[in-house]
Amino acid sequence: MNRRSRSSLEMKDPDKVGRIVNFGTAALLNSTWKKVKAEAEKKGIAMDEREFHCRGEFKGMHKGRPNKKDLEEAAAFVRSVISE
């Protein structure tokens, strides 16, 4: 979890946030779920157990990612979350 994400979370009003659903891409990390959950707990914000994560391109690693399949999977994930 980077400083910008952490400061964004710090500005959230727990009374106005139902829950956080972790969604991201990264070339090196597999998941930021635990880090986001730790920060969310400090604010008293619920964390959904689900997350979407896919590879991202960085300095030539994972070239072309996220790709079309990744984007389709991301869209399906978002649809499943908002359809509740």
N, C-alpha and C. Protein backbone atom coordinates (compact mmCIF):
# COMPACT_ATOMS: atom_id res chain seq x y z
N MET A 1 0.86 -1.17 0.00
CA MET A 1 0.00 0.00 0.00
C MET A 1 0.90 1.22 0.00
N ASN A 2 0.70 2.10 -0.98
CA ASN A 2 1.56 3.27 -1.06
C ASN A 2 1.01 4.42 -0.23
N ARG A 3 1.82 5.46 -0.11
CA ARG A 3 1.46 6.61 0.72
C ARG A 3 0.17 7.28 0.23
N ARG A 4 0.01 7.39 -1.09
CA ARG A 4 -1.18 8.03 -1.64
C ARG A 4 -2.44 7.24 -1.28
N SER A 5 -2.37 5.92 -1.41
CA SER A 5 -3.52 5.08 -1.05
C SER A 5 -3.83 5.19 0.43
N ARG A 6 -2.77 5.19 1.25
CA ARG A 6 -2.97 5.28 2.70
C ARG A 6 -3.61 6.61 3.07
N SER A 7 -3.13 7.72 2.48
CA SER A 7 -3.71 9.01 2.83
C SER A 7 -5.14 9.13 2.32
N SER A 8 -5.45 8.51 1.19
CA SER A 8 -6.82 8.50 0.68
C SER A 8 -7.73 7.78 1.66
N LEU A 9 -7.27 6.67 2.19
CA LEU A 9 -8.05 5.91 3.16
C LEU A 9 -8.21 6.70 4.46
N GLU A 10 -7.18 7.41 4.87
CA GLU A 10 -7.25 8.19 6.10
C GLU A 10 -8.31 9.28 6.02
N MET A 11 -8.59 9.76 4.82
CA MET A 11 -9.58 10.84 4.65
C MET A 11 -11.01 10.31 4.61
N LYS A 12 -11.20 9.02 4.52
CA LYS A 12 -12.55 8.45 4.42
C LYS A 12 -13.27 8.54 5.76
N ASP A 13 -14.54 8.87 5.70
CA ASP A 13 -15.39 8.91 6.87
C ASP A 13 -16.01 7.52 7.04
N PRO A 14 -15.68 6.81 8.12
CA PRO A 14 -16.21 5.45 8.31
C PRO A 14 -17.73 5.38 8.27
N ASP A 15 -18.41 6.46 8.61
CA ASP A 15 -19.87 6.47 8.58
C ASP A 15 -20.43 6.54 7.16
N LYS A 16 -19.57 6.87 6.20
CA LYS A 16 -20.02 7.01 4.81
C LYS A 16 -19.49 5.90 3.90
N VAL A 17 -18.72 4.99 4.48
CA VAL A 17 -18.15 3.89 3.70
C VAL A 17 -18.76 2.59 4.19
N GLY A 18 -19.41 1.86 3.29
CA GLY A 18 -20.00 0.59 3.68
C GLY A 18 -18.92 -0.46 3.94
N ARG A 19 -18.06 -0.63 2.95
CA ARG A 19 -16.94 -1.57 3.08
C ARG A 19 -15.96 -1.28 1.96
N ILE A 20 -14.76 -1.76 2.13
CA ILE A 20 -13.73 -1.61 1.11
C ILE A 20 -13.57 -2.94 0.39
N VAL A 21 -13.53 -2.89 -0.93
CA VAL A 21 -13.25 -4.06 -1.75
C VAL A 21 -11.92 -3.78 -2.42
N ASN A 22 -10.93 -4.62 -2.15
CA ASN A 22 -9.59 -4.40 -2.67
C ASN A 22 -9.53 -4.75 -4.16
N PHE A 23 -8.93 -3.85 -4.94
CA PHE A 23 -8.89 -3.99 -6.39
C PHE A 23 -7.58 -3.37 -6.85
N GLY A 24 -6.75 -4.14 -7.54
CA GLY A 24 -5.50 -3.54 -7.99
C GLY A 24 -4.71 -4.37 -8.97
N THR A 25 -3.65 -3.74 -9.46
CA THR A 25 -2.69 -4.40 -10.33
C THR A 25 -1.31 -4.11 -9.77
N ALA A 26 -0.38 -5.00 -10.01
CA ALA A 26 1.00 -4.78 -9.59
C ALA A 26 1.91 -5.73 -10.34
N ALA A 27 3.11 -5.27 -10.61
CA ALA A 27 4.09 -6.12 -11.29
C ALA A 27 4.76 -7.07 -10.31
N LEU A 28 4.96 -6.63 -9.09
CA LEU A 28 5.73 -7.43 -8.13
C LEU A 28 4.89 -8.04 -7.02
N LEU A 29 3.95 -7.29 -6.50
CA LEU A 29 3.14 -7.80 -5.38
C LEU A 29 2.01 -8.68 -5.88
N ASN A 30 1.65 -9.66 -5.09
CA ASN A 30 0.50 -10.50 -5.42
C ASN A 30 -0.78 -9.92 -4.85
N SER A 31 -0.71 -9.24 -3.72
CA SER A 31 -1.91 -8.72 -3.10
C SER A 31 -1.54 -7.63 -2.09
N THR A 32 -2.41 -6.65 -1.97
CA THR A 32 -2.24 -5.63 -0.92
C THR A 32 -3.36 -5.77 0.11
N TRP A 33 -4.13 -6.85 0.02
CA TRP A 33 -5.31 -7.01 0.86
C TRP A 33 -4.99 -6.85 2.35
N LYS A 34 -3.97 -7.53 2.84
CA LYS A 34 -3.65 -7.47 4.27
C LYS A 34 -3.26 -6.06 4.71
N LYS A 35 -2.50 -5.37 3.87
CA LYS A 35 -2.10 -4.00 4.21
C LYS A 35 -3.30 -3.05 4.21
N VAL A 36 -4.16 -3.19 3.23
CA VAL A 36 -5.35 -2.34 3.16
C VAL A 36 -6.25 -2.65 4.35
N LYS A 37 -6.42 -3.92 4.68
CA LYS A 37 -7.25 -4.30 5.82
C LYS A 37 -6.74 -3.69 7.13
N ALA A 38 -5.43 -3.73 7.32
CA ALA A 38 -4.84 -3.15 8.53
C ALA A 38 -5.17 -1.65 8.63
N GLU A 39 -5.04 -0.94 7.53
CA GLU A 39 -5.35 0.49 7.53
C GLU A 39 -6.86 0.73 7.71
N ALA A 40 -7.67 -0.09 7.08
CA ALA A 40 -9.13 0.05 7.21
C ALA A 40 -9.56 -0.17 8.66
N GLU A 41 -8.97 -1.16 9.31
CA GLU A 41 -9.31 -1.44 10.70
C GLU A 41 -8.99 -0.25 11.60
N LYS A 42 -7.89 0.45 11.32
CA LYS A 42 -7.53 1.64 12.10
C LYS A 42 -8.63 2.70 12.01
N LYS A 43 -9.33 2.75 10.88
CA LYS A 43 -10.40 3.73 10.68
C LYS A 43 -11.78 3.19 11.04
N GLY A 44 -11.85 1.91 11.36
CA GLY A 44 -13.14 1.31 11.68
C GLY A 44 -13.99 1.05 10.45
N ILE A 45 -13.34 0.78 9.32
CA ILE A 45 -14.05 0.52 8.07
C ILE A 45 -13.97 -0.97 7.77
N ALA A 46 -15.11 -1.55 7.41
CA ALA A 46 -15.15 -2.98 7.11
C ALA A 46 -14.41 -3.28 5.81
N MET A 47 -13.80 -4.46 5.77
CA MET A 47 -13.06 -4.90 4.59
C MET A 47 -13.73 -6.14 4.04
N ASP A 48 -14.09 -6.11 2.77
CA ASP A 48 -14.67 -7.26 2.10
C ASP A 48 -13.60 -8.34 1.96
N GLU A 49 -14.00 -9.59 2.05
CA GLU A 49 -13.05 -10.70 1.92
C GLU A 49 -12.58 -10.91 0.49
N ARG A 50 -13.36 -10.44 -0.47
CA ARG A 50 -13.00 -10.61 -1.88
C ARG A 50 -12.01 -9.54 -2.32
N GLU A 51 -11.26 -9.88 -3.35
CA GLU A 51 -10.41 -8.88 -3.98
C GLU A 51 -10.16 -9.27 -5.43
N PHE A 52 -9.82 -8.27 -6.22
CA PHE A 52 -9.38 -8.52 -7.58
C PHE A 52 -7.95 -8.04 -7.69
N HIS A 53 -7.11 -8.91 -8.23
CA HIS A 53 -5.72 -8.53 -8.46
C HIS A 53 -5.24 -9.18 -9.74
N CYS A 54 -4.54 -8.41 -10.54
CA CYS A 54 -3.92 -8.99 -11.73
C CYS A 54 -2.54 -8.35 -11.92
N ARG A 55 -1.74 -8.96 -12.74
CA ARG A 55 -0.42 -8.43 -13.03
C ARG A 55 -0.53 -7.09 -13.75
N GLY A 56 0.43 -6.24 -13.50
CA GLY A 56 0.55 -4.98 -14.20
C GLY A 56 1.95 -4.89 -14.80
N GLU A 57 2.08 -4.15 -15.86
CA GLU A 57 3.38 -3.99 -16.50
C GLU A 57 4.21 -2.95 -15.75
N PHE A 58 5.49 -3.25 -15.58
CA PHE A 58 6.40 -2.31 -14.94
C PHE A 58 7.80 -2.58 -15.46
N LYS A 59 8.38 -1.57 -16.10
CA LYS A 59 9.75 -1.66 -16.61
C LYS A 59 9.99 -2.94 -17.42
N GLY A 60 9.06 -3.25 -18.28
CA GLY A 60 9.21 -4.40 -19.16
C GLY A 60 8.75 -5.73 -18.57
N MET A 61 8.52 -5.76 -17.28
CA MET A 61 8.00 -6.99 -16.65
C MET A 61 6.52 -7.09 -16.94
N HIS A 62 6.05 -8.28 -17.24
CA HIS A 62 4.64 -8.55 -17.50
C HIS A 62 4.11 -7.66 -18.63
N LYS A 63 4.89 -7.59 -19.69
CA LYS A 63 4.56 -6.73 -20.84
C LYS A 63 3.13 -6.98 -21.32
N GLY A 64 2.42 -5.87 -21.54
CA GLY A 64 1.06 -5.95 -22.04
C GLY A 64 -0.01 -6.19 -21.00
N ARG A 65 0.37 -6.19 -19.74
CA ARG A 65 -0.61 -6.42 -18.67
C ARG A 65 -0.98 -5.10 -18.02
N PRO A 66 -2.17 -4.91 -17.57
CA PRO A 66 -3.28 -5.81 -17.77
C PRO A 66 -3.66 -5.90 -19.25
N ASN A 67 -4.07 -7.09 -19.64
CA ASN A 67 -4.44 -7.34 -21.03
C ASN A 67 -5.97 -7.45 -21.14
N LYS A 68 -6.44 -7.79 -22.33
CA LYS A 68 -7.89 -7.85 -22.57
C LYS A 68 -8.57 -8.84 -21.62
N LYS A 69 -7.97 -10.00 -21.42
CA LYS A 69 -8.55 -11.00 -20.50
C LYS A 69 -8.61 -10.45 -19.08
N ASP A 70 -7.53 -9.77 -18.64
CA ASP A 70 -7.52 -9.17 -17.30
C ASP A 70 -8.65 -8.15 -17.15
N LEU A 71 -8.85 -7.33 -18.18
CA LEU A 71 -9.90 -6.31 -18.12
C LEU A 71 -11.29 -6.94 -18.09
N GLU A 72 -11.47 -8.01 -18.84
CA GLU A 72 -12.75 -8.73 -18.81
C GLU A 72 -13.01 -9.31 -17.43
N GLU A 73 -11.97 -9.89 -16.83
CA GLU A 73 -12.12 -10.46 -15.48
C GLU A 73 -12.38 -9.36 -14.46
N ALA A 74 -11.73 -8.20 -14.62
CA ALA A 74 -11.96 -7.08 -13.71
C ALA A 74 -13.42 -6.61 -13.81
N ALA A 75 -13.92 -6.49 -15.04
CA ALA A 75 -15.31 -6.06 -15.24
C ALA A 75 -16.28 -7.06 -14.61
N ALA A 76 -16.01 -8.34 -14.78
CA ALA A 76 -16.89 -9.36 -14.18
C ALA A 76 -16.85 -9.28 -12.67
N PHE A 77 -15.67 -9.04 -12.10
CA PHE A 77 -15.54 -8.91 -10.65
C PHE A 77 -16.35 -7.72 -10.15
N VAL A 78 -16.21 -6.58 -10.80
CA VAL A 78 -16.94 -5.40 -10.39
C VAL A 78 -18.45 -5.62 -10.49
N ARG A 79 -18.89 -6.24 -11.57
CA ARG A 79 -20.32 -6.54 -11.71
C ARG A 79 -20.81 -7.41 -10.55
N SER A 80 -20.00 -8.40 -10.16
CA SER A 80 -20.42 -9.29 -9.07
C SER A 80 -20.52 -8.54 -7.74
N VAL A 81 -19.64 -7.58 -7.54
CA VAL A 81 -19.66 -6.81 -6.29
C VAL A 81 -20.84 -5.86 -6.25
N ILE A 82 -21.09 -5.15 -7.34
CA ILE A 82 -22.16 -4.14 -7.32
C ILE A 82 -23.55 -4.75 -7.48
N SER A 83 -23.62 -6.00 -7.88
CA SER A 83 -24.93 -6.64 -8.05
C SER A 83 -25.52 -7.09 -6.73
N GLU A 84 -24.79 -7.00 -5.66
CA GLU A 84 -25.30 -7.43 -4.35
C GLU A 84 -26.35 -6.50 -3.82
